[in-house]
Each structure stands twice: as structure tokens, then as C-alpha cells.
Amino acid sequence: MTTEPTAARAVVTRDQFAHLMNKVPEVTLYFWLIKVLCTTVGETFADYLNETLGFGLTNTTVAMGLAFFALLGLQFRAQRYVPWIYWTTVVLISVFGTLITNNLTDGHGVPTTTTTPIFAVLLASSFLAWYLVERTLSIHTMRTPRREAFYWLAILFTFALGTAGGDMLSEQLGFGYPTAVLIFAGAIVLVCVAHFGLRMGPILSFWLAYILTRPLGASIGDYLSQSRKDGALGLGTTATSVIFLGAILALVAFLTVTRRDVTEDTEYDAESVAAEAEAEAHHHHH
């Protein structure tokens, strides 16, 4: 076997290998499983710190905000996708997003019927800005700090929106927790049908499901942890948080070992490459 000169090898377009530097996990069944677990913890752990430990809303929000930004810093500094850093960031953003909504609702008396549309507009605006700047919302090539910043900003708004929407449905509109779980699970099934059956685009499907898993997880968390008199199971926020954090830990350890969710060559789609190339050309053109 002849060794080619290194220069020739280096000429191979960057885009072909760009996904190997992807800093976010591939969307697999594991991804959704951990995502729902994270959102459940987001709901129960926020309640645990605030109510059970009596930190109070403001202190809890500041503490979780600092923890979240510290981990986000680690996530930005990492050279590639590292499961424990990424998922700890998601757990913290989940708690933080929950607290932002709770602060507005419980702390300042802003009803969820007001916060839900506000967060929906903020989320839509963040997607619009992301698209106008990057020309793609693909999550397969998250390799520049700017792209990653858009990704995490969108995620923060999906959590805040999901919390507000979930609370609006289960508490303000009085559906109750079990019904809310079924409503959000049903909505996710519809997104799956639209994606796999009606060929709805992968990016739209992903973000719709991402938004919906937040209130689904939150409703599950509330259903497990809230008191029986509220029509829930009454496990309490401590037990629920411990159980779900344990499950997340186990799954993240499993993914760290097996690397099941690392972007591989085979999964890279031509569409992303085309969008990448276009964005690149667009960028140089200016």
C-alpha cells in the first residue's frame, strides 16, 4: 500500500469530515430517552431546591444559573461531544428554564397564558436569527461557537416554553397531570406520524418533538412527585429526582462507553453537506 502525500489527503473537503467534530449527540432513541428524563428532573429538582430545601425561588435561580453557565463554558471548550458535559448542561438548562418560568409565574404573578406566547415568540425569533445567520438549522454540524450558541439559546427557550405550556395545560386549564402526560405524548406521536408518514422535514420534526418532550417530562415529574390530593402519586421531589438522576447517570455512562450516539460517517446526509457548502459560499461571498 502506497502512502499518499499528506497534502493530498488534507485537500478532501472539510465538510465531509465536519460532522466528526459535531459537538452535540446524534438523535437516537437514547437521546429522546435521556431528554425526557432530564426534563423530568428539571421539574422535580427545581421544586426540590426551592421548596424542600427552602432555598427560595431567587436563590435557587441564581445558583442554578451559575451552575448552568459554568457547564456551558465547559461544553464550549470541549473539542467534541462529551456525553457527561453535554447532558449535565441539558439537566441544568432544564432546571434553569423551569425556574425562569416559575419566577415569572410564582414570583411576579405573570400567568402562564401570557408567558407561553411570549416564549413561543422568543423561540421563533431565535430560530429565525439562527437561520438568517447560518442558512441552516441542521444539528449535524454543530462545530462553530456561533452555531452552538444558537443551539443552546433555542434549547433554553424550548425549556421555558415547554414549562409554561405544560403548566398552563395541567394547572391553569385544569386538565390534571395524567391527562397532560397523555396530551403531550399524543402530540409527540402526531409529530412522529407527520415525520415518518407524511415526510415532514427532519429539522422541523426534531424541534417540535424537542419542545413537546419538555412538558411531557415535566408532567411526568409532577405526576410522580406531587401530593396524592392533587391527583398525583406523591413520591415527593427528592425520591423522583434521585430515581431520574440515577437513570440519566446510567444511560450517560452507557453512551460514554458504547459511543452509540456519536455522529458516524454513514449517518451524514447529503442535505447537510449541501446546506453547509451553500452557507460557506454565502459567507465568503460577503
C-alpha atoms as a PDB file:
ATOM      1  CA  MET A   1       0.000   0.000   0.000  1.00  0.00           C
ATOM      2  CA  THR A   2       1.458   3.338  -1.058  1.00  0.00           C
ATOM      3  CA  THR A   3       1.348   6.217   1.364  1.00  0.00           C
ATOM      4  CA  GLU A   4      -0.212   9.249  -0.267  1.00  0.00           C
ATOM      5  CA  PRO A   5       1.311  12.605   0.447  1.00  0.00           C
ATOM      6  CA  THR A   6      -0.422  14.203   3.384  1.00  0.00           C
ATOM      7  CA  ALA A   7      -1.249  17.336   1.425  1.00  0.00           C
ATOM      8  CA  ALA A   8      -3.457  15.386  -0.975  1.00  0.00           C
ATOM      9  CA  ARG A   9      -5.327  13.857   1.916  1.00  0.00           C
ATOM     10  CA  ALA A  10      -5.833  17.241   3.534  1.00  0.00           C
ATOM     11  CA  VAL A  11      -7.456  18.615   0.382  1.00  0.00           C
ATOM     12  CA  VAL A  12     -10.532  16.397   0.912  1.00  0.00           C
ATOM     13  CA  THR A  13     -13.266  18.851   1.712  1.00  0.00           C
ATOM     14  CA  ARG A  14     -13.648  19.839   5.283  1.00  0.00           C
ATOM     15  CA  ASP A  15     -17.389  19.320   5.030  1.00  0.00           C
ATOM     16  CA  GLN A  16     -17.022  15.603   4.567  1.00  0.00           C
ATOM     17  CA  PHE A  17     -15.444  15.325   7.996  1.00  0.00           C
ATOM     18  CA  ALA A  18     -17.118  18.287   9.651  1.00  0.00           C
ATOM     19  CA  HIS A  19     -19.668  16.059  11.338  1.00  0.00           C
ATOM     20  CA  LEU A  20     -16.924  14.154  13.115  1.00  0.00           C
ATOM     21  CA  MET A  21     -16.364  17.360  15.054  1.00  0.00           C
ATOM     22  CA  ASN A  22     -20.049  17.598  15.893  1.00  0.00           C
ATOM     23  CA  LYS A  23     -20.388  18.718  19.489  1.00  0.00           C
ATOM     24  CA  VAL A  24     -23.914  17.500  20.059  1.00  0.00           C
ATOM     25  CA  PRO A  25     -25.163  13.905  20.068  1.00  0.00           C
ATOM     26  CA  GLU A  26     -26.909  12.225  17.187  1.00  0.00           C
ATOM     27  CA  VAL A  27     -30.630  11.937  17.632  1.00  0.00           C
ATOM     28  CA  THR A  28     -31.225   8.319  18.606  1.00  0.00           C
ATOM     29  CA  LEU A  29     -33.756   6.625  20.848  1.00  0.00           C
ATOM     30  CA  TYR A  30     -31.256   7.112  23.709  1.00  0.00           C
ATOM     31  CA  PHE A  31     -31.234  10.827  23.002  1.00  0.00           C
ATOM     32  CA  TRP A  32     -35.002  11.113  23.477  1.00  0.00           C
ATOM     33  CA  LEU A  33     -34.986   8.846  26.500  1.00  0.00           C
ATOM     34  CA  ILE A  34     -32.362  10.936  28.312  1.00  0.00           C
ATOM     35  CA  LYS A  35     -34.055  14.124  27.131  1.00  0.00           C
ATOM     36  CA  VAL A  36     -37.375  13.148  28.781  1.00  0.00           C
ATOM     37  CA  LEU A  37     -35.523  12.061  31.934  1.00  0.00           C
ATOM     38  CA  CYS A  38     -33.678  15.405  32.004  1.00  0.00           C
ATOM     39  CA  THR A  39     -36.883  17.387  31.687  1.00  0.00           C
ATOM     40  CA  THR A  40     -38.496  15.344  34.462  1.00  0.00           C
ATOM     41  CA  VAL A  41     -35.533  16.124  36.717  1.00  0.00           C
ATOM     42  CA  GLY A  42     -35.693  19.766  35.620  1.00  0.00           C
ATOM     43  CA  GLU A  43     -39.178  19.994  37.053  1.00  0.00           C
ATOM     44  CA  THR A  44     -38.683  17.983  40.260  1.00  0.00           C
ATOM     45  CA  PHE A  45     -35.172  19.181  41.150  1.00  0.00           C
ATOM     46  CA  ALA A  46     -36.202  22.842  40.767  1.00  0.00           C
ATOM     47  CA  ASP A  47     -39.089  22.142  43.177  1.00  0.00           C
ATOM     48  CA  TYR A  48     -36.777  20.176  45.483  1.00  0.00           C
ATOM     49  CA  LEU A  49     -34.265  23.037  45.863  1.00  0.00           C
ATOM     50  CA  ASN A  50     -36.907  25.710  46.062  1.00  0.00           C
ATOM     51  CA  GLU A  51     -39.467  24.064  48.328  1.00  0.00           C
ATOM     52  CA  THR A  52     -37.933  21.053  50.098  1.00  0.00           C
ATOM     53  CA  LEU A  53     -34.607  22.725  50.913  1.00  0.00           C
ATOM     54  CA  GLY A  54     -36.309  26.112  51.206  1.00  0.00           C
ATOM     55  CA  PHE A  55     -33.734  27.994  49.130  1.00  0.00           C
ATOM     56  CA  GLY A  56     -36.471  30.199  47.739  1.00  0.00           C
ATOM     57  CA  LEU A  57     -37.008  30.973  44.078  1.00  0.00           C
ATOM     58  CA  THR A  58     -34.468  33.749  43.628  1.00  0.00           C
ATOM     59  CA  ASN A  59     -31.556  31.969  45.328  1.00  0.00           C
ATOM     60  CA  THR A  60     -32.323  28.726  43.515  1.00  0.00           C
ATOM     61  CA  THR A  61     -32.477  30.516  40.159  1.00  0.00           C
ATOM     62  CA  VAL A  62     -29.174  32.324  40.713  1.00  0.00           C
ATOM     63  CA  ALA A  63     -27.410  29.142  41.922  1.00  0.00           C
ATOM     64  CA  MET A  64     -28.697  27.033  39.022  1.00  0.00           C
ATOM     65  CA  GLY A  65     -27.966  29.841  36.573  1.00  0.00           C
ATOM     66  CA  LEU A  66     -24.333  29.970  37.690  1.00  0.00           C
ATOM     67  CA  ALA A  67     -24.012  26.175  37.559  1.00  0.00           C
ATOM     68  CA  PHE A  68     -25.554  26.143  34.075  1.00  0.00           C
ATOM     69  CA  PHE A  69     -23.204  28.829  32.707  1.00  0.00           C
ATOM     70  CA  ALA A  70     -20.190  27.071  34.248  1.00  0.00           C
ATOM     71  CA  LEU A  71     -21.105  23.855  32.426  1.00  0.00           C
ATOM     72  CA  LEU A  72     -21.976  25.683  29.246  1.00  0.00           C
ATOM     73  CA  GLY A  73     -18.430  27.069  29.381  1.00  0.00           C
ATOM     74  CA  LEU A  74     -17.069  23.520  29.602  1.00  0.00           C
ATOM     75  CA  GLN A  75     -19.315  22.447  26.722  1.00  0.00           C
ATOM     76  CA  PHE A  76     -18.000  25.295  24.537  1.00  0.00           C
ATOM     77  CA  ARG A  77     -14.394  24.493  25.421  1.00  0.00           C
ATOM     78  CA  ALA A  78     -14.710  20.769  24.694  1.00  0.00           C
ATOM     79  CA  GLN A  79     -13.295  19.784  21.324  1.00  0.00           C
ATOM     80  CA  ARG A  80     -16.001  17.260  20.587  1.00  0.00           C
ATOM     81  CA  TYR A  81     -19.192  15.808  22.014  1.00  0.00           C
ATOM     82  CA  VAL A  82     -18.536  14.553  25.569  1.00  0.00           C
ATOM     83  CA  PRO A  83     -21.661  12.834  26.945  1.00  0.00           C
ATOM     84  CA  TRP A  84     -21.349  13.839  30.597  1.00  0.00           C
ATOM     85  CA  ILE A  85     -20.647  17.506  29.834  1.00  0.00           C
ATOM     86  CA  TYR A  86     -23.416  17.745  27.263  1.00  0.00           C
ATOM     87  CA  TRP A  87     -26.086  16.029  29.337  1.00  0.00           C
ATOM     88  CA  THR A  88     -25.189  17.803  32.587  1.00  0.00           C
ATOM     89  CA  THR A  89     -25.643  21.047  30.649  1.00  0.00           C
ATOM     90  CA  VAL A  90     -29.060  19.808  29.478  1.00  0.00           C
ATOM     91  CA  VAL A  91     -30.104  18.876  33.035  1.00  0.00           C
ATOM     92  CA  LEU A  92     -29.036  22.319  34.271  1.00  0.00           C
ATOM     93  CA  ILE A  93     -30.660  24.182  31.376  1.00  0.00           C
ATOM     94  CA  SER A  94     -33.809  22.203  32.136  1.00  0.00           C
ATOM     95  CA  VAL A  95     -33.796  23.270  35.786  1.00  0.00           C
ATOM     96  CA  PHE A  96     -32.841  26.842  34.848  1.00  0.00           C
ATOM     97  CA  GLY A  97     -35.526  27.112  32.143  1.00  0.00           C
ATOM     98  CA  THR A  98     -38.101  25.813  34.630  1.00  0.00           C
ATOM     99  CA  LEU A  99     -37.010  28.375  37.213  1.00  0.00           C
ATOM    100  CA  ILE A 100     -37.220  31.280  34.759  1.00  0.00           C
ATOM    101  CA  THR A 101     -40.859  30.399  34.088  1.00  0.00           C
ATOM    102  CA  ASN A 102     -41.607  29.725  37.761  1.00  0.00           C
ATOM    103  CA  ASN A 103     -40.069  33.071  38.720  1.00  0.00           C
ATOM    104  CA  LEU A 104     -42.312  34.900  36.299  1.00  0.00           C
ATOM    105  CA  THR A 105     -45.414  32.958  37.334  1.00  0.00           C
ATOM    106  CA  ASP A 106     -44.970  32.424  41.082  1.00  0.00           C
ATOM    107  CA  GLY A 107     -42.597  35.275  41.841  1.00  0.00           C
ATOM    108  CA  HIS A 108     -44.137  38.009  39.719  1.00  0.00           C
ATOM    109  CA  GLY A 109     -47.638  36.726  39.134  1.00  0.00           C
ATOM    110  CA  VAL A 110     -47.386  36.624  35.329  1.00  0.00           C
ATOM    111  CA  PRO A 111     -49.925  33.973  34.201  1.00  0.00           C
ATOM    112  CA  THR A 112     -48.724  31.083  32.018  1.00  0.00           C
ATOM    113  CA  THR A 113     -51.283  32.154  29.406  1.00  0.00           C
ATOM    114  CA  THR A 114     -49.054  35.237  28.988  1.00  0.00           C
ATOM    115  CA  THR A 115     -45.615  33.607  29.306  1.00  0.00           C
ATOM    116  CA  THR A 116     -46.421  30.770  26.872  1.00  0.00           C
ATOM    117  CA  PRO A 117     -46.959  33.027  23.803  1.00  0.00           C
ATOM    118  CA  ILE A 118     -44.019  35.239  24.845  1.00  0.00           C
ATOM    119  CA  PHE A 119     -41.615  32.290  24.966  1.00  0.00           C
ATOM    120  CA  ALA A 120     -43.054  30.962  21.701  1.00  0.00           C
ATOM    121  CA  VAL A 121     -42.194  34.278  20.020  1.00  0.00           C
ATOM    122  CA  LEU A 122     -38.709  34.324  21.586  1.00  0.00           C
ATOM    123  CA  LEU A 123     -38.080  30.773  20.383  1.00  0.00           C
ATOM    124  CA  ALA A 124     -39.314  31.576  16.863  1.00  0.00           C
ATOM    125  CA  SER A 125     -37.080  34.674  16.803  1.00  0.00           C
ATOM    126  CA  SER A 126     -34.031  32.681  17.892  1.00  0.00           C
ATOM    127  CA  PHE A 127     -34.667  30.172  15.070  1.00  0.00           C
ATOM    128  CA  LEU A 128     -35.124  32.967  12.553  1.00  0.00           C
ATOM    129  CA  ALA A 129     -31.881  34.646  13.605  1.00  0.00           C
ATOM    130  CA  TRP A 130     -30.082  31.281  13.530  1.00  0.00           C
ATOM    131  CA  TYR A 131     -31.359  30.566  10.029  1.00  0.00           C
ATOM    132  CA  LEU A 132     -30.565  34.030   8.674  1.00  0.00           C
ATOM    133  CA  VAL A 133     -27.017  33.885  10.022  1.00  0.00           C
ATOM    134  CA  GLU A 134     -26.174  30.232   9.331  1.00  0.00           C
ATOM    135  CA  ARG A 135     -28.562  29.368   6.462  1.00  0.00           C
ATOM    136  CA  THR A 136     -29.256  26.013   8.103  1.00  0.00           C
ATOM    137  CA  LEU A 137     -30.749  24.728  11.336  1.00  0.00           C
ATOM    138  CA  SER A 138     -29.028  21.368  10.947  1.00  0.00           C
ATOM    139  CA  ILE A 139     -27.838  19.846  14.208  1.00  0.00           C
ATOM    140  CA  HIS A 140     -25.383  17.537  12.439  1.00  0.00           C
ATOM    141  CA  THR A 141     -22.633  20.123  12.080  1.00  0.00           C
ATOM    142  CA  MET A 142     -22.514  21.891  15.392  1.00  0.00           C
ATOM    143  CA  ARG A 143     -18.864  22.847  15.225  1.00  0.00           C
ATOM    144  CA  THR A 144     -18.580  26.637  15.471  1.00  0.00           C
ATOM    145  CA  PRO A 145     -19.122  28.564  18.717  1.00  0.00           C
ATOM    146  CA  ARG A 146     -21.700  30.756  16.979  1.00  0.00           C
ATOM    147  CA  ARG A 147     -23.745  27.781  15.861  1.00  0.00           C
ATOM    148  CA  GLU A 148     -23.520  26.240  19.270  1.00  0.00           C
ATOM    149  CA  ALA A 149     -24.659  29.489  20.861  1.00  0.00           C
ATOM    150  CA  PHE A 150     -27.783  29.455  18.660  1.00  0.00           C
ATOM    151  CA  TYR A 151     -28.387  25.800  19.542  1.00  0.00           C
ATOM    152  CA  TRP A 152     -28.266  26.381  23.318  1.00  0.00           C
ATOM    153  CA  LEU A 153     -30.290  29.586  23.104  1.00  0.00           C
ATOM    154  CA  ALA A 154     -33.018  27.724  21.217  1.00  0.00           C
ATOM    155  CA  ILE A 155     -32.884  24.911  23.787  1.00  0.00           C
ATOM    156  CA  LEU A 156     -33.221  27.371  26.684  1.00  0.00           C
ATOM    157  CA  PHE A 157     -36.353  28.834  25.080  1.00  0.00           C
ATOM    158  CA  THR A 158     -37.807  25.359  24.363  1.00  0.00           C
ATOM    159  CA  PHE A 159     -37.481  24.579  28.085  1.00  0.00           C
ATOM    160  CA  ALA A 160     -39.021  27.857  29.207  1.00  0.00           C
ATOM    161  CA  LEU A 161     -41.818  27.477  26.645  1.00  0.00           C
ATOM    162  CA  GLY A 162     -42.381  23.818  27.499  1.00  0.00           C
ATOM    163  CA  THR A 163     -42.609  24.611  31.205  1.00  0.00           C
ATOM    164  CA  ALA A 164     -45.064  27.450  30.678  1.00  0.00           C
ATOM    165  CA  GLY A 165     -47.169  25.465  28.199  1.00  0.00           C
ATOM    166  CA  GLY A 166     -47.187  22.381  30.382  1.00  0.00           C
ATOM    167  CA  ASP A 167     -48.207  24.286  33.494  1.00  0.00           C
ATOM    168  CA  MET A 168     -50.835  26.151  31.519  1.00  0.00           C
ATOM    169  CA  LEU A 169     -52.403  22.878  30.435  1.00  0.00           C
ATOM    170  CA  SER A 170     -52.181  20.866  33.659  1.00  0.00           C
ATOM    171  CA  GLU A 171     -52.727  23.630  36.206  1.00  0.00           C
ATOM    172  CA  GLN A 172     -54.308  26.739  34.691  1.00  0.00           C
ATOM    173  CA  LEU A 173     -56.614  24.919  32.310  1.00  0.00           C
ATOM    174  CA  GLY A 174     -57.155  22.259  34.964  1.00  0.00           C
ATOM    175  CA  PHE A 175     -56.532  19.095  32.918  1.00  0.00           C
ATOM    176  CA  GLY A 176     -54.537  17.470  35.709  1.00  0.00           C
ATOM    177  CA  TYR A 177     -51.169  15.700  35.416  1.00  0.00           C
ATOM    178  CA  PRO A 178     -52.098  12.263  33.969  1.00  0.00           C
ATOM    179  CA  THR A 179     -54.206  13.886  31.227  1.00  0.00           C
ATOM    180  CA  ALA A 180     -51.404  16.342  30.468  1.00  0.00           C
ATOM    181  CA  VAL A 181     -48.961  13.415  30.098  1.00  0.00           C
ATOM    182  CA  LEU A 182     -51.340  11.786  27.586  1.00  0.00           C
ATOM    183  CA  ILE A 183     -51.935  15.030  25.671  1.00  0.00           C
ATOM    184  CA  PHE A 184     -48.218  15.715  25.205  1.00  0.00           C
ATOM    185  CA  ALA A 185     -47.428  12.073  24.421  1.00  0.00           C
ATOM    186  CA  GLY A 186     -50.225  12.171  21.822  1.00  0.00           C
ATOM    187  CA  ALA A 187     -48.800  15.354  20.300  1.00  0.00           C
ATOM    188  CA  ILE A 188     -45.366  13.688  20.018  1.00  0.00           C
ATOM    189  CA  VAL A 189     -46.983  10.682  18.306  1.00  0.00           C
ATOM    190  CA  LEU A 190     -48.532  13.111  15.792  1.00  0.00           C
ATOM    191  CA  VAL A 191     -45.107  14.640  15.100  1.00  0.00           C
ATOM    192  CA  CYS A 192     -43.722  11.113  14.518  1.00  0.00           C
ATOM    193  CA  VAL A 193     -46.572  10.314  12.140  1.00  0.00           C
ATOM    194  CA  ALA A 194     -46.017  13.584  10.277  1.00  0.00           C
ATOM    195  CA  HIS A 195     -42.284  12.910  10.055  1.00  0.00           C
ATOM    196  CA  PHE A 196     -42.258   9.224   9.124  1.00  0.00           C
ATOM    197  CA  GLY A 197     -45.608   9.044   7.351  1.00  0.00           C
ATOM    198  CA  LEU A 198     -46.083  12.469   5.782  1.00  0.00           C
ATOM    199  CA  ARG A 199     -42.403  13.228   5.258  1.00  0.00           C
ATOM    200  CA  MET A 200     -42.316  16.365   7.380  1.00  0.00           C
ATOM    201  CA  GLY A 201     -38.760  17.731   7.330  1.00  0.00           C
ATOM    202  CA  PRO A 202     -36.290  16.343   9.906  1.00  0.00           C
ATOM    203  CA  ILE A 203     -35.370  19.736  11.334  1.00  0.00           C
ATOM    204  CA  LEU A 204     -38.952  20.866  11.970  1.00  0.00           C
ATOM    205  CA  SER A 205     -39.840  17.434  13.362  1.00  0.00           C
ATOM    206  CA  PHE A 206     -36.833  17.459  15.675  1.00  0.00           C
ATOM    207  CA  TRP A 207     -37.573  20.856  17.202  1.00  0.00           C
ATOM    208  CA  LEU A 208     -41.318  20.206  17.541  1.00  0.00           C
ATOM    209  CA  ALA A 209     -40.584  16.966  19.368  1.00  0.00           C
ATOM    210  CA  TYR A 210     -37.925  18.747  21.410  1.00  0.00           C
ATOM    211  CA  ILE A 211     -40.422  21.379  22.563  1.00  0.00           C
ATOM    212  CA  LEU A 212     -43.070  18.755  23.358  1.00  0.00           C
ATOM    213  CA  THR A 213     -40.786  16.462  25.375  1.00  0.00           C
ATOM    214  CA  ARG A 214     -40.302  19.313  27.866  1.00  0.00           C
ATOM    215  CA  PRO A 215     -43.925  19.486  29.085  1.00  0.00           C
ATOM    216  CA  LEU A 216     -44.179  15.691  28.729  1.00  0.00           C
ATOM    217  CA  GLY A 217     -41.243  15.194  31.103  1.00  0.00           C
ATOM    218  CA  ALA A 218     -42.477  17.944  33.411  1.00  0.00           C
ATOM    219  CA  SER A 219     -45.963  16.441  33.578  1.00  0.00           C
ATOM    220  CA  ILE A 220     -44.460  13.006  34.334  1.00  0.00           C
ATOM    221  CA  GLY A 221     -42.306  14.610  37.052  1.00  0.00           C
ATOM    222  CA  ASP A 222     -45.273  16.408  38.575  1.00  0.00           C
ATOM    223  CA  TYR A 223     -47.435  13.299  38.347  1.00  0.00           C
ATOM    224  CA  LEU A 224     -44.839  11.242  40.229  1.00  0.00           C
ATOM    225  CA  SER A 225     -43.792  13.830  42.788  1.00  0.00           C
ATOM    226  CA  GLN A 226     -46.817  15.971  43.636  1.00  0.00           C
ATOM    227  CA  SER A 227     -49.103  15.070  46.526  1.00  0.00           C
ATOM    228  CA  ARG A 228     -51.852  12.494  46.196  1.00  0.00           C
ATOM    229  CA  LYS A 229     -54.500  15.081  46.982  1.00  0.00           C
ATOM    230  CA  ASP A 230     -53.529  16.809  43.710  1.00  0.00           C
ATOM    231  CA  GLY A 231     -54.252  13.557  41.897  1.00  0.00           C
ATOM    232  CA  ALA A 232     -50.595  12.545  41.686  1.00  0.00           C
ATOM    233  CA  LEU A 233     -48.556   9.630  43.058  1.00  0.00           C
ATOM    234  CA  GLY A 234     -46.948  11.525  45.917  1.00  0.00           C
ATOM    235  CA  LEU A 235     -43.391  10.151  45.634  1.00  0.00           C
ATOM    236  CA  GLY A 236     -42.056  13.583  46.531  1.00  0.00           C
ATOM    237  CA  THR A 237     -39.477  15.653  44.676  1.00  0.00           C
ATOM    238  CA  THR A 238     -36.498  14.086  46.464  1.00  0.00           C
ATOM    239  CA  ALA A 239     -37.276  10.472  45.521  1.00  0.00           C
ATOM    240  CA  THR A 240     -38.330  11.394  41.985  1.00  0.00           C
ATOM    241  CA  SER A 241     -35.179  13.484  41.401  1.00  0.00           C
ATOM    242  CA  VAL A 242     -32.921  10.721  42.757  1.00  0.00           C
ATOM    243  CA  ILE A 243     -34.576   7.992  40.641  1.00  0.00           C
ATOM    244  CA  PHE A 244     -34.391  10.008  37.432  1.00  0.00           C
ATOM    245  CA  LEU A 245     -30.880  11.359  38.006  1.00  0.00           C
ATOM    246  CA  GLY A 246     -29.798   7.757  38.588  1.00  0.00           C
ATOM    247  CA  ALA A 247     -31.382   6.694  35.300  1.00  0.00           C
ATOM    248  CA  ILE A 248     -29.699   9.586  33.442  1.00  0.00           C
ATOM    249  CA  LEU A 249     -26.352   8.681  35.014  1.00  0.00           C
ATOM    250  CA  ALA A 250     -26.703   5.054  33.933  1.00  0.00           C
ATOM    251  CA  LEU A 251     -27.634   5.992  30.353  1.00  0.00           C
ATOM    252  CA  VAL A 252     -24.876   8.594  30.026  1.00  0.00           C
ATOM    253  CA  ALA A 253     -22.326   6.081  31.345  1.00  0.00           C
ATOM    254  CA  PHE A 254     -23.635   3.559  28.815  1.00  0.00           C
ATOM    255  CA  LEU A 255     -23.299   6.076  25.953  1.00  0.00           C
ATOM    256  CA  THR A 256     -19.830   7.119  27.098  1.00  0.00           C
ATOM    257  CA  VAL A 257     -18.710   3.506  26.832  1.00  0.00           C
ATOM    258  CA  THR A 258     -20.576   2.440  23.690  1.00  0.00           C
ATOM    259  CA  ARG A 259     -20.495   5.782  21.796  1.00  0.00           C
ATOM    260  CA  ARG A 260     -23.888   4.865  20.339  1.00  0.00           C
ATOM    261  CA  ASP A 261     -24.802   8.495  19.803  1.00  0.00           C
ATOM    262  CA  VAL A 262     -21.652   9.852  18.185  1.00  0.00           C
ATOM    263  CA  THR A 263     -22.183  11.086  14.641  1.00  0.00           C
ATOM    264  CA  GLU A 264     -20.797   8.476  12.247  1.00  0.00           C
ATOM    265  CA  ASP A 265     -19.814   8.702   8.588  1.00  0.00           C
ATOM    266  CA  THR A 266     -22.783   6.673   7.404  1.00  0.00           C
ATOM    267  CA  GLU A 267     -25.374   8.881   9.055  1.00  0.00           C
ATOM    268  CA  TYR A 268     -24.183  12.039   7.424  1.00  0.00           C
ATOM    269  CA  ASP A 269     -26.768  13.292   4.962  1.00  0.00           C
ATOM    270  CA  ALA A 270     -26.144  14.943   1.618  1.00  0.00           C
ATOM    271  CA  GLU A 271     -28.643  17.641   2.520  1.00  0.00           C
ATOM    272  CA  SER A 272     -26.492  18.928   5.373  1.00  0.00           C
ATOM    273  CA  VAL A 273     -23.411  18.939   3.149  1.00  0.00           C
ATOM    274  CA  ALA A 274     -25.259  20.980   0.521  1.00  0.00           C
ATOM    275  CA  ALA A 275     -26.548  23.437   3.117  1.00  0.00           C
ATOM    276  CA  GLU A 276     -23.053  23.669   4.584  1.00  0.00           C
ATOM    277  CA  ALA A 277     -21.457  24.381   1.247  1.00  0.00           C
ATOM    278  CA  GLU A 278     -24.090  26.995   0.470  1.00  0.00           C
ATOM    279  CA  ALA A 279     -23.624  28.681   3.846  1.00  0.00           C
ATOM    280  CA  GLU A 280     -19.873  28.644   3.307  1.00  0.00           C
ATOM    281  CA  ALA A 281     -20.192  30.160  -0.170  1.00  0.00           C
ATOM    282  CA  HIS A 282     -22.680  32.720   1.115  1.00  0.00           C
ATOM    283  CA  HIS A 283     -20.224  33.632   3.885  1.00  0.00           C
ATOM    284  CA  HIS A 284     -17.268  34.088   1.510  1.00  0.00           C
ATOM    285  CA  HIS A 285     -19.388  35.960  -0.965  1.00  0.00           C
ATOM    286  CA  HIS A 286     -19.916  38.813   1.505  1.00  0.00           C
END
